[in-house]
Amino acid sequence: MDKKGIDAMIWVIIVLGLGILAYLIISGIFTGQIRLFAEDLNRCPGQCVKQVIPPGVDDRLFVRGVGCDPALNQREIRGQFIANAAPRGAGTEYSCDVCCI
């Protein structure tokens, strides 16, 4: 193969690689895997977990989606009623969107 053919193949490989890379970056931005702005990093990613409420603990103290505050990492705020934490009784499992797991 002559020099022009080898150069053409190298350029084809480079262009294909850049196209694949651009596709991955753009799809990552639209699916939320890549965050463009710093304020997005503080939002909850919305992963779903199971929590078991310990017996004797009022489940109204457990919070859905409280954000990434390490002090609230147990999703518990004592003495406050949280509207979207549905009372289900102690020892029951429920799904909630939490952050900083």
PDB file of N, CA and C in Angstrom:
ATOM      1  N   MET A   1       0.847  -1.181   0.000  1.00  0.00           N
ATOM      2  CA  MET A   1       0.000   0.000   0.000  1.00  0.00           C
ATOM      3  C   MET A   1       0.891   1.243   0.000  1.00  0.00           C
ATOM      4  N   ASP A   2       0.516   2.186  -0.812  1.00  0.00           N
ATOM      5  CA  ASP A   2       1.342   3.384  -0.921  1.00  0.00           C
ATOM      6  C   ASP A   2       1.085   4.353   0.228  1.00  0.00           C
ATOM      7  N   LYS A   3       1.869   5.422   0.264  1.00  0.00           N
ATOM      8  CA  LYS A   3       1.815   6.389   1.369  1.00  0.00           C
ATOM      9  C   LYS A   3       0.461   7.088   1.455  1.00  0.00           C
ATOM     10  N   LYS A   4      -0.147   7.409   0.304  1.00  0.00           N
ATOM     11  CA  LYS A   4      -1.444   8.089   0.320  1.00  0.00           C
ATOM     12  C   LYS A   4      -2.524   7.192   0.918  1.00  0.00           C
ATOM     13  N   GLY A   5      -2.473   5.913   0.622  1.00  0.00           N
ATOM     14  CA  GLY A   5      -3.471   4.976   1.161  1.00  0.00           C
ATOM     15  C   GLY A   5      -3.358   4.843   2.669  1.00  0.00           C
ATOM     16  N   ILE A   6      -2.117   4.795   3.170  1.00  0.00           N
ATOM     17  CA  ILE A   6      -1.906   4.687   4.621  1.00  0.00           C
ATOM     18  C   ILE A   6      -2.377   5.966   5.312  1.00  0.00           C
ATOM     19  N   ASP A   7      -2.046   7.119   4.734  1.00  0.00           N
ATOM     20  CA  ASP A   7      -2.501   8.386   5.306  1.00  0.00           C
ATOM     21  C   ASP A   7      -4.025   8.473   5.319  1.00  0.00           C
ATOM     22  N   ALA A   8      -4.660   8.022   4.265  1.00  0.00           N
ATOM     23  CA  ALA A   8      -6.123   8.054   4.199  1.00  0.00           C
ATOM     24  C   ALA A   8      -6.731   7.155   5.274  1.00  0.00           C
ATOM     25  N   MET A   9      -6.150   5.973   5.483  1.00  0.00           N
ATOM     26  CA  MET A   9      -6.670   5.067   6.516  1.00  0.00           C
ATOM     27  C   MET A   9      -6.506   5.673   7.905  1.00  0.00           C
ATOM     28  N   ILE A  10      -5.385   6.320   8.149  1.00  0.00           N
ATOM     29  CA  ILE A  10      -5.163   6.961   9.452  1.00  0.00           C
ATOM     30  C   ILE A  10      -6.205   8.054   9.680  1.00  0.00           C
ATOM     31  N   TRP A  11      -6.483   8.861   8.657  1.00  0.00           N
ATOM     32  CA  TRP A  11      -7.478   9.926   8.806  1.00  0.00           C
ATOM     33  C   TRP A  11      -8.879   9.356   9.024  1.00  0.00           C
ATOM     34  N   VAL A  12      -9.198   8.275   8.352  1.00  0.00           N
ATOM     35  CA  VAL A  12     -10.509   7.636   8.547  1.00  0.00           C
ATOM     36  C   VAL A  12     -10.643   7.153   9.986  1.00  0.00           C
ATOM     37  N   ILE A  13      -9.600   6.532  10.520  1.00  0.00           N
ATOM     38  CA  ILE A  13      -9.634   6.041  11.901  1.00  0.00           C
ATOM     39  C   ILE A  13      -9.771   7.207  12.878  1.00  0.00           C
ATOM     40  N   ILE A  14      -9.034   8.296  12.634  1.00  0.00           N
ATOM     41  CA  ILE A  14      -9.111   9.461  13.521  1.00  0.00           C
ATOM     42  C   ILE A  14     -10.518  10.065  13.497  1.00  0.00           C
ATOM     43  N   VAL A  15     -11.081  10.236  12.306  1.00  0.00           N
ATOM     44  CA  VAL A  15     -12.415  10.837  12.187  1.00  0.00           C
ATOM     45  C   VAL A  15     -13.467   9.943  12.837  1.00  0.00           C
ATOM     46  N   LEU A  16     -13.379   8.631  12.624  1.00  0.00           N
ATOM     47  CA  LEU A  16     -14.329   7.710  13.262  1.00  0.00           C
ATOM     48  C   LEU A  16     -14.200   7.760  14.779  1.00  0.00           C
ATOM     49  N   GLY A  17     -12.969   7.794  15.270  1.00  0.00           N
ATOM     50  CA  GLY A  17     -12.760   7.863  16.722  1.00  0.00           C
ATOM     51  C   GLY A  17     -13.329   9.138  17.321  1.00  0.00           C
ATOM     52  N   LEU A  18     -13.105  10.267  16.643  1.00  0.00           N
ATOM     53  CA  LEU A  18     -13.658  11.532  17.130  1.00  0.00           C
ATOM     54  C   LEU A  18     -15.183  11.527  17.082  1.00  0.00           C
ATOM     55  N   GLY A  19     -15.745  10.913  16.059  1.00  0.00           N
ATOM     56  CA  GLY A  19     -17.206  10.822  15.965  1.00  0.00           C
ATOM     57  C   GLY A  19     -17.792   9.994  17.095  1.00  0.00           C
ATOM     58  N   ILE A  20     -17.159   8.872  17.396  1.00  0.00           N
ATOM     59  CA  ILE A  20     -17.628   8.030  18.500  1.00  0.00           C
ATOM     60  C   ILE A  20     -17.487   8.770  19.821  1.00  0.00           C
ATOM     61  N   LEU A  21     -16.375   9.453  20.013  1.00  0.00           N
ATOM     62  CA  LEU A  21     -16.167  10.218  21.244  1.00  0.00           C
ATOM     63  C   LEU A  21     -17.214  11.327  21.391  1.00  0.00           C
ATOM     64  N   ALA A  22     -17.493  12.040  20.302  1.00  0.00           N
ATOM     65  CA  ALA A  22     -18.513  13.093  20.347  1.00  0.00           C
ATOM     66  C   ALA A  22     -19.882  12.505  20.672  1.00  0.00           C
ATOM     67  N   TYR A  23     -20.213  11.363  20.086  1.00  0.00           N
ATOM     68  CA  TYR A  23     -21.496  10.711  20.380  1.00  0.00           C
ATOM     69  C   TYR A  23     -21.602  10.347  21.856  1.00  0.00           C
ATOM     70  N   LEU A  24     -20.535   9.786  22.413  1.00  0.00           N
ATOM     71  CA  LEU A  24     -20.568   9.391  23.826  1.00  0.00           C
ATOM     72  C   LEU A  24     -20.720  10.604  24.738  1.00  0.00           C
ATOM     73  N   ILE A  25     -20.027  11.690  24.422  1.00  0.00           N
ATOM     74  CA  ILE A  25     -20.127  12.896  25.248  1.00  0.00           C
ATOM     75  C   ILE A  25     -21.528  13.493  25.157  1.00  0.00           C
ATOM     76  N   ILE A  26     -22.060  13.617  23.957  1.00  0.00           N
ATOM     77  CA  ILE A  26     -23.389  14.213  23.789  1.00  0.00           C
ATOM     78  C   ILE A  26     -24.458  13.345  24.440  1.00  0.00           C
ATOM     79  N   SER A  27     -24.381  12.036  24.249  1.00  0.00           N
ATOM     80  CA  SER A  27     -25.380  11.168  24.878  1.00  0.00           C
ATOM     81  C   SER A  27     -25.231  11.182  26.394  1.00  0.00           C
ATOM     82  N   GLY A  28     -24.012  11.312  26.899  1.00  0.00           N
ATOM     83  CA  GLY A  28     -23.806  11.406  28.343  1.00  0.00           C
ATOM     84  C   GLY A  28     -24.392  12.673  28.925  1.00  0.00           C
ATOM     85  N   ILE A  29     -24.323  13.764  28.188  1.00  0.00           N
ATOM     86  CA  ILE A  29     -24.918  15.019  28.660  1.00  0.00           C
ATOM     87  C   ILE A  29     -26.439  14.894  28.715  1.00  0.00           C
ATOM     88  N   PHE A  30     -27.030  14.318  27.671  1.00  0.00           N
ATOM     89  CA  PHE A  30     -28.489  14.239  27.624  1.00  0.00           C
ATOM     90  C   PHE A  30     -29.046  13.200  28.581  1.00  0.00           C
ATOM     91  N   THR A  31     -28.291  12.172  28.913  1.00  0.00           N
ATOM     92  CA  THR A  31     -28.785  11.166  29.859  1.00  0.00           C
ATOM     93  C   THR A  31     -28.429  11.509  31.292  1.00  0.00           C
ATOM     94  N   GLY A  32     -27.697  12.602  31.513  1.00  0.00           N
ATOM     95  CA  GLY A  32     -27.376  13.011  32.867  1.00  0.00           C
ATOM     96  C   GLY A  32     -26.137  12.359  33.440  1.00  0.00           C
ATOM     97  N   GLN A  33     -25.438  11.540  32.656  1.00  0.00           N
ATOM     98  CA  GLN A  33     -24.218  10.918  33.150  1.00  0.00           C
ATOM     99  C   GLN A  33     -23.072  11.923  33.218  1.00  0.00           C
ATOM    100  N   ILE A  34     -23.124  12.937  32.361  1.00  0.00           N
ATOM    101  CA  ILE A  34     -22.123  14.003  32.364  1.00  0.00           C
ATOM    102  C   ILE A  34     -22.842  15.294  32.742  1.00  0.00           C
ATOM    103  N   ARG A  35     -22.353  15.978  33.756  1.00  0.00           N
ATOM    104  CA  ARG A  35     -22.987  17.213  34.211  1.00  0.00           C
ATOM    105  C   ARG A  35     -22.160  18.407  33.726  1.00  0.00           C
ATOM    106  N   LEU A  36     -22.845  19.373  33.125  1.00  0.00           N
ATOM    107  CA  LEU A  36     -22.146  20.512  32.542  1.00  0.00           C
ATOM    108  C   LEU A  36     -21.858  21.605  33.553  1.00  0.00           C
ATOM    109  N   PHE A  37     -22.727  21.769  34.544  1.00  0.00           N
ATOM    110  CA  PHE A  37     -22.616  22.902  35.447  1.00  0.00           C
ATOM    111  C   PHE A  37     -22.426  22.419  36.868  1.00  0.00           C
ATOM    112  N   ALA A  38     -21.689  23.197  37.653  1.00  0.00           N
ATOM    113  CA  ALA A  38     -21.341  22.794  39.016  1.00  0.00           C
ATOM    114  C   ALA A  38     -22.574  22.658  39.899  1.00  0.00           C
ATOM    115  N   GLU A  39     -23.606  23.487  39.665  1.00  0.00           N
ATOM    116  CA  GLU A  39     -24.773  23.392  40.538  1.00  0.00           C
ATOM    117  C   GLU A  39     -25.503  22.062  40.365  1.00  0.00           C
ATOM    118  N   ASP A  40     -25.352  21.430  39.211  1.00  0.00           N
ATOM    119  CA  ASP A  40     -25.970  20.124  39.009  1.00  0.00           C
ATOM    120  C   ASP A  40     -25.339  19.067  39.896  1.00  0.00           C
ATOM    121  N   LEU A  41     -24.090  19.272  40.302  1.00  0.00           N
ATOM    122  CA  LEU A  41     -23.412  18.265  41.114  1.00  0.00           C
ATOM    123  C   LEU A  41     -24.001  18.186  42.514  1.00  0.00           C
ATOM    124  N   ASN A  42     -24.698  19.228  42.948  1.00  0.00           N
ATOM    125  CA  ASN A  42     -25.278  19.229  44.284  1.00  0.00           C
ATOM    126  C   ASN A  42     -26.672  18.632  44.320  1.00  0.00           C
ATOM    127  N   ARG A  43     -27.216  18.292  43.172  1.00  0.00           N
ATOM    128  CA  ARG A  43     -28.559  17.734  43.129  1.00  0.00           C
ATOM    129  C   ARG A  43     -28.501  16.234  43.332  1.00  0.00           C
ATOM    130  N   CYS A  44     -29.612  15.702  43.806  1.00  0.00           N
ATOM    131  CA  CYS A  44     -29.671  14.257  44.020  1.00  0.00           C
ATOM    132  C   CYS A  44     -29.712  13.543  42.676  1.00  0.00           C
ATOM    133  N   PRO A  45     -28.911  12.505  42.516  1.00  0.00           N
ATOM    134  CA  PRO A  45     -28.934  11.759  41.264  1.00  0.00           C
ATOM    135  C   PRO A  45     -30.201  10.936  41.093  1.00  0.00           C
ATOM    136  N   GLY A  46     -30.973  10.747  42.163  1.00  0.00           N
ATOM    137  CA  GLY A  46     -32.256  10.067  42.043  1.00  0.00           C
ATOM    138  C   GLY A  46     -32.173   8.556  42.050  1.00  0.00           C
ATOM    139  N   GLN A  47     -31.100   8.001  42.603  1.00  0.00           N
ATOM    140  CA  GLN A  47     -31.053   6.551  42.674  1.00  0.00           C
ATOM    141  C   GLN A  47     -32.052   6.058  43.710  1.00  0.00           C
ATOM    142  N   CYS A  48     -32.536   4.847  43.543  1.00  0.00           N
ATOM    143  CA  CYS A  48     -33.587   4.314  44.395  1.00  0.00           C
ATOM    144  C   CYS A  48     -32.976   3.300  45.353  1.00  0.00           C
ATOM    145  N   VAL A  49     -33.269   3.438  46.625  1.00  0.00           N
ATOM    146  CA  VAL A  49     -32.744   2.510  47.622  1.00  0.00           C
ATOM    147  C   VAL A  49     -33.881   2.062  48.526  1.00  0.00           C
ATOM    148  N   LYS A  50     -33.648   0.961  49.224  1.00  0.00           N
ATOM    149  CA  LYS A  50     -34.586   0.475  50.221  1.00  0.00           C
ATOM    150  C   LYS A  50     -34.091   0.900  51.590  1.00  0.00           C
ATOM    151  N   GLN A  51     -34.994   1.415  52.394  1.00  0.00           N
ATOM    152  CA  GLN A  51     -34.660   1.749  53.763  1.00  0.00           C
ATOM    153  C   GLN A  51     -35.555   0.938  54.685  1.00  0.00           C
ATOM    154  N   VAL A  52     -34.979   0.443  55.752  1.00  0.00           N
ATOM    155  CA  VAL A  52     -35.758  -0.226  56.780  1.00  0.00           C
ATOM    156  C   VAL A  52     -35.833   0.703  57.981  1.00  0.00           C
ATOM    157  N   ILE A  53     -37.041   1.009  58.383  1.00  0.00           N
ATOM    158  CA  ILE A  53     -37.224   1.891  59.529  1.00  0.00           C
ATOM    159  C   ILE A  53     -37.041   1.066  60.794  1.00  0.00           C
ATOM    160  N   PRO A  54     -36.141   1.463  61.680  1.00  0.00           N
ATOM    161  CA  PRO A  54     -35.927   0.693  62.910  1.00  0.00           C
ATOM    162  C   PRO A  54     -37.186   0.670  63.768  1.00  0.00           C
ATOM    163  N   PRO A  55     -37.438  -0.442  64.461  1.00  0.00           N
ATOM    164  CA  PRO A  55     -38.609  -0.514  65.334  1.00  0.00           C
ATOM    165  C   PRO A  55     -38.552   0.583  66.396  1.00  0.00           C
ATOM    166  N   GLY A  56     -39.696   1.179  66.657  1.00  0.00           N
ATOM    167  CA  GLY A  56     -39.786   2.213  67.676  1.00  0.00           C
ATOM    168  C   GLY A  56     -39.453   3.605  67.185  1.00  0.00           C
ATOM    169  N   VAL A  57     -39.064   3.741  65.913  1.00  0.00           N
ATOM    170  CA  VAL A  57     -38.738   5.055  65.360  1.00  0.00           C
ATOM    171  C   VAL A  57     -39.920   5.526  64.516  1.00  0.00           C
ATOM    172  N   ASP A  58     -40.340   6.742  64.755  1.00  0.00           N
ATOM    173  CA  ASP A  58     -41.440   7.312  63.982  1.00  0.00           C
ATOM    174  C   ASP A  58     -40.962   7.523  62.550  1.00  0.00           C
ATOM    175  N   ASP A  59     -41.613   6.858  61.595  1.00  0.00           N
ATOM    176  CA  ASP A  59     -41.113   6.940  60.223  1.00  0.00           C
ATOM    177  C   ASP A  59     -41.381   8.293  59.586  1.00  0.00           C
ATOM    178  N   ARG A  60     -42.115   9.177  60.240  1.00  0.00           N
ATOM    179  CA  ARG A  60     -42.256  10.531  59.707  1.00  0.00           C
ATOM    180  C   ARG A  60     -40.939  11.290  59.803  1.00  0.00           C
ATOM    181  N   LEU A  61     -39.984  10.761  60.570  1.00  0.00           N
ATOM    182  CA  LEU A  61     -38.687  11.421  60.689  1.00  0.00           C
ATOM    183  C   LEU A  61     -37.770  11.075  59.524  1.00  0.00           C
ATOM    184  N   PHE A  62     -38.153  10.098  58.713  1.00  0.00           N
ATOM    185  CA  PHE A  62     -37.322   9.716  57.583  1.00  0.00           C
ATOM    186  C   PHE A  62     -37.768  10.488  56.353  1.00  0.00           C
ATOM    187  N   VAL A  63     -36.815  10.945  55.593  1.00  0.00           N
ATOM    188  CA  VAL A  63     -37.067  11.945  54.568  1.00  0.00           C
ATOM    189  C   VAL A  63     -36.718  11.365  53.207  1.00  0.00           C
ATOM    190  N   ARG A  64     -37.491  11.746  52.206  1.00  0.00           N
ATOM    191  CA  ARG A  64     -37.150  11.381  50.833  1.00  0.00           C
ATOM    192  C   ARG A  64     -36.410  12.536  50.172  1.00  0.00           C
ATOM    193  N   GLY A  65     -35.266  12.246  49.600  1.00  0.00           N
ATOM    194  CA  GLY A  65     -34.554  13.236  48.800  1.00  0.00           C
ATOM    195  C   GLY A  65     -34.130  14.476  49.561  1.00  0.00           C
ATOM    196  N   VAL A  66     -33.447  14.305  50.679  1.00  0.00           N
ATOM    197  CA  VAL A  66     -33.078  15.462  51.483  1.00  0.00           C
ATOM    198  C   VAL A  66     -31.882  16.202  50.920  1.00  0.00           C
ATOM    199  N   GLY A  67     -31.200  15.634  49.960  1.00  0.00           N
ATOM    200  CA  GLY A  67     -30.026  16.295  49.421  1.00  0.00           C
ATOM    201  C   GLY A  67     -28.743  15.754  50.021  1.00  0.00           C
ATOM    202  N   CYS A  68     -27.636  16.370  49.653  1.00  0.00           N
ATOM    203  CA  CYS A  68     -26.325  15.822  49.985  1.00  0.00           C
ATOM    204  C   CYS A  68     -25.721  16.465  51.222  1.00  0.00           C
ATOM    205  N   ASP A  69     -26.466  16.566  52.270  1.00  0.00           N
ATOM    206  CA  ASP A  69     -25.937  17.097  53.521  1.00  0.00           C
ATOM    207  C   ASP A  69     -25.448  15.931  54.373  1.00  0.00           C
ATOM    208  N   PRO A  70     -24.134  15.849  54.660  1.00  0.00           N
ATOM    209  CA  PRO A  70     -23.626  14.707  55.436  1.00  0.00           C
ATOM    210  C   PRO A  70     -24.298  14.571  56.794  1.00  0.00           C
ATOM    211  N   ALA A  71     -24.747  15.688  57.367  1.00  0.00           N
ATOM    212  CA  ALA A  71     -25.416  15.615  58.667  1.00  0.00           C
ATOM    213  C   ALA A  71     -26.758  14.904  58.555  1.00  0.00           C
ATOM    214  N   LEU A  72     -27.340  14.886  57.356  1.00  0.00           N
ATOM    215  CA  LEU A  72     -28.633  14.241  57.148  1.00  0.00           C
ATOM    216  C   LEU A  72     -28.472  12.931  56.386  1.00  0.00           C
ATOM    217  N   ASN A  73     -27.286  12.354  56.437  1.00  0.00           N
ATOM    218  CA  ASN A  73     -27.019  11.191  55.605  1.00  0.00           C
ATOM    219  C   ASN A  73     -27.875   9.989  55.970  1.00  0.00           C
ATOM    220  N   GLN A  74     -28.416   9.963  57.177  1.00  0.00           N
ATOM    221  CA  GLN A  74     -29.314   8.884  57.566  1.00  0.00           C
ATOM    222  C   GLN A  74     -30.759   9.187  57.169  1.00  0.00           C
ATOM    223  N   ARG A  75     -30.971  10.280  56.451  1.00  0.00           N
ATOM    224  CA  ARG A  75     -32.299  10.700  56.025  1.00  0.00           C
ATOM    225  C   ARG A  75     -33.232  10.820  57.220  1.00  0.00           C
ATOM    226  N   GLU A  76     -32.783  11.470  58.245  1.00  0.00           N
ATOM    227  CA  GLU A  76     -33.579  11.588  59.458  1.00  0.00           C
ATOM    228  C   GLU A  76     -33.493  13.019  59.975  1.00  0.00           C
ATOM    229  N   ILE A  77     -34.619  13.629  60.201  1.00  0.00           N
ATOM    230  CA  ILE A  77     -34.666  14.945  60.827  1.00  0.00           C
ATOM    231  C   ILE A  77     -35.593  14.827  62.022  1.00  0.00           C
ATOM    232  N   ARG A  78     -35.050  14.946  63.195  1.00  0.00           N
ATOM    233  CA  ARG A  78     -35.867  14.753  64.399  1.00  0.00           C
ATOM    234  C   ARG A  78     -36.770  15.963  64.640  1.00  0.00           C
ATOM    235  N   GLY A  79     -38.007  15.662  65.019  1.00  0.00           N
ATOM    236  CA  GLY A  79     -38.925  16.711  65.422  1.00  0.00           C
ATOM    237  C   GLY A  79     -39.613  17.441  64.292  1.00  0.00           C
ATOM    238  N   GLN A  80     -39.381  17.029  63.039  1.00  0.00           N
ATOM    239  CA  GLN A  80     -40.038  17.693  61.923  1.00  0.00           C
ATOM    240  C   GLN A  80     -40.879  16.685  61.160  1.00  0.00           C
ATOM    241  N   PHE A  81     -42.043  17.095  60.759  1.00  0.00           N
ATOM    242  CA  PHE A  81     -42.866  16.255  59.905  1.00  0.00           C
ATOM    243  C   PHE A  81     -42.546  16.597  58.457  1.00  0.00           C
ATOM    244  N   ILE A  82     -42.188  15.585  57.697  1.00  0.00           N
ATOM    245  CA  ILE A  82     -41.849  15.777  56.289  1.00  0.00           C
ATOM    246  C   ILE A  82     -43.010  15.242  55.453  1.00  0.00           C
ATOM    247  N   ALA A  83     -43.578  16.100  54.630  1.00  0.00           N
ATOM    248  CA  ALA A  83     -44.833  15.762  53.963  1.00  0.00           C
ATOM    249  C   ALA A  83     -44.709  14.570  53.023  1.00  0.00           C
ATOM    250  N   ASN A  84     -43.571  14.440  52.325  1.00  0.00           N
ATOM    251  CA  ASN A  84     -43.488  13.374  51.333  1.00  0.00           C
ATOM    252  C   ASN A  84     -42.886  12.090  51.889  1.00  0.00           C
ATOM    253  N   ALA A  85     -42.734  11.994  53.201  1.00  0.00           N
ATOM    254  CA  ALA A  85     -42.323  10.726  53.813  1.00  0.00           C
ATOM    255  C   ALA A  85     -43.586  10.071  54.351  1.00  0.00           C
ATOM    256  N   ALA A  86     -44.155   9.202  53.562  1.00  0.00           N
ATOM    257  CA  ALA A  86     -45.458   8.626  53.905  1.00  0.00           C
ATOM    258  C   ALA A  86     -45.338   7.694  55.104  1.00  0.00           C
ATOM    259  N   PRO A  87     -46.178   7.880  56.127  1.00  0.00           N
ATOM    260  CA  PRO A  87     -46.123   6.983  57.287  1.00  0.00           C
ATOM    261  C   PRO A  87     -46.530   5.567  56.896  1.00  0.00           C
ATOM    262  N   ARG A  88     -45.671   4.603  57.203  1.00  0.00           N
ATOM    263  CA  ARG A  88     -45.966   3.213  56.868  1.00  0.00           C
ATOM    264  C   ARG A  88     -45.807   2.291  58.067  1.00  0.00           C
ATOM    265  N   GLY A  89     -45.327   2.813  59.193  1.00  0.00           N
ATOM    266  CA  GLY A  89     -45.133   1.967  60.360  1.00  0.00           C
ATOM    267  C   GLY A  89     -43.696   1.502  60.481  1.00  0.00           C
ATOM    268  N   ALA A  90     -43.264   1.251  61.694  1.00  0.00           N
ATOM    269  CA  ALA A  90     -41.875   0.856  61.939  1.00  0.00           C
ATOM    270  C   ALA A  90     -41.606  -0.530  61.374  1.00  0.00           C
ATOM    271  N   GLY A  91     -40.392  -0.724  60.868  1.00  0.00           N
ATOM    272  CA  GLY A  91     -39.970  -2.023  60.360  1.00  0.00           C
ATOM    273  C   GLY A  91     -40.360  -2.299  58.925  1.00  0.00           C
ATOM    274  N   THR A  92     -41.065  -1.391  58.275  1.00  0.00           N
ATOM    275  CA  THR A  92     -41.459  -1.617  56.889  1.00  0.00           C
ATOM    276  C   THR A  92     -40.400  -1.052  55.954  1.00  0.00           C
ATOM    277  N   GLU A  93     -40.343  -1.616  54.751  1.00  0.00           N
ATOM    278  CA  GLU A  93     -39.413  -1.134  53.737  1.00  0.00           C
ATOM    279  C   GLU A  93     -40.172  -0.268  52.747  1.00  0.00           C
ATOM    280  N   TYR A  94     -39.535   0.784  52.285  1.00  0.00           N
ATOM    281  CA  TYR A  94     -40.114   1.556  51.204  1.00  0.00           C
ATOM    282  C   TYR A  94     -38.985   2.150  50.383  1.00  0.00           C
ATOM    283  N   SER A  95     -39.301   2.497  49.164  1.00  0.00           N
ATOM    284  CA  SER A  95     -38.304   3.074  48.273  1.00  0.00           C
ATOM    285  C   SER A  95     -38.358   4.586  48.381  1.00  0.00           C
ATOM    286  N   CYS A  96     -37.206   5.195  48.365  1.00  0.00           N
ATOM    287  CA  CYS A  96     -37.182   6.651  48.353  1.00  0.00           C
ATOM    288  C   CYS A  96     -35.938   7.107  47.608  1.00  0.00           C
ATOM    289  N   ASP A  97     -36.017   8.306  47.069  1.00  0.00           N
ATOM    290  CA  ASP A  97     -34.876   8.904  46.384  1.00  0.00           C
ATOM    291  C   ASP A  97     -34.002   9.576  47.424  1.00  0.00           C
ATOM    292  N   VAL A  98     -32.780   9.112  47.548  1.00  0.00           N
ATOM    293  CA  VAL A  98     -31.873   9.683  48.528  1.00  0.00           C
ATOM    294  C   VAL A  98     -30.569  10.047  47.850  1.00  0.00           C
ATOM    295  N   CYS A  99     -29.749  10.789  48.580  1.00  0.00           N
ATOM    296  CA  CYS A  99     -28.502  11.293  48.039  1.00  0.00           C
ATOM    297  C   CYS A  99     -27.345  10.870  48.938  1.00  0.00           C
ATOM    298  N   CYS A 100     -26.135  10.914  48.419  1.00  0.00           N
ATOM    299  CA  CYS A 100     -24.925  10.680  49.212  1.00  0.00           C
ATOM    300  C   CYS A 100     -24.946   9.319  49.895  1.00  0.00           C
ATOM    301  N   ILE A 101     -25.145   8.279  49.147  1.00  0.00           N
ATOM    302  CA  ILE A 101     -25.159   6.932  49.732  1.00  0.00           C
ATOM    303  C   ILE A 101     -23.739   6.395  49.747  1.00  0.00           C
TER     304      ILE A 101
END
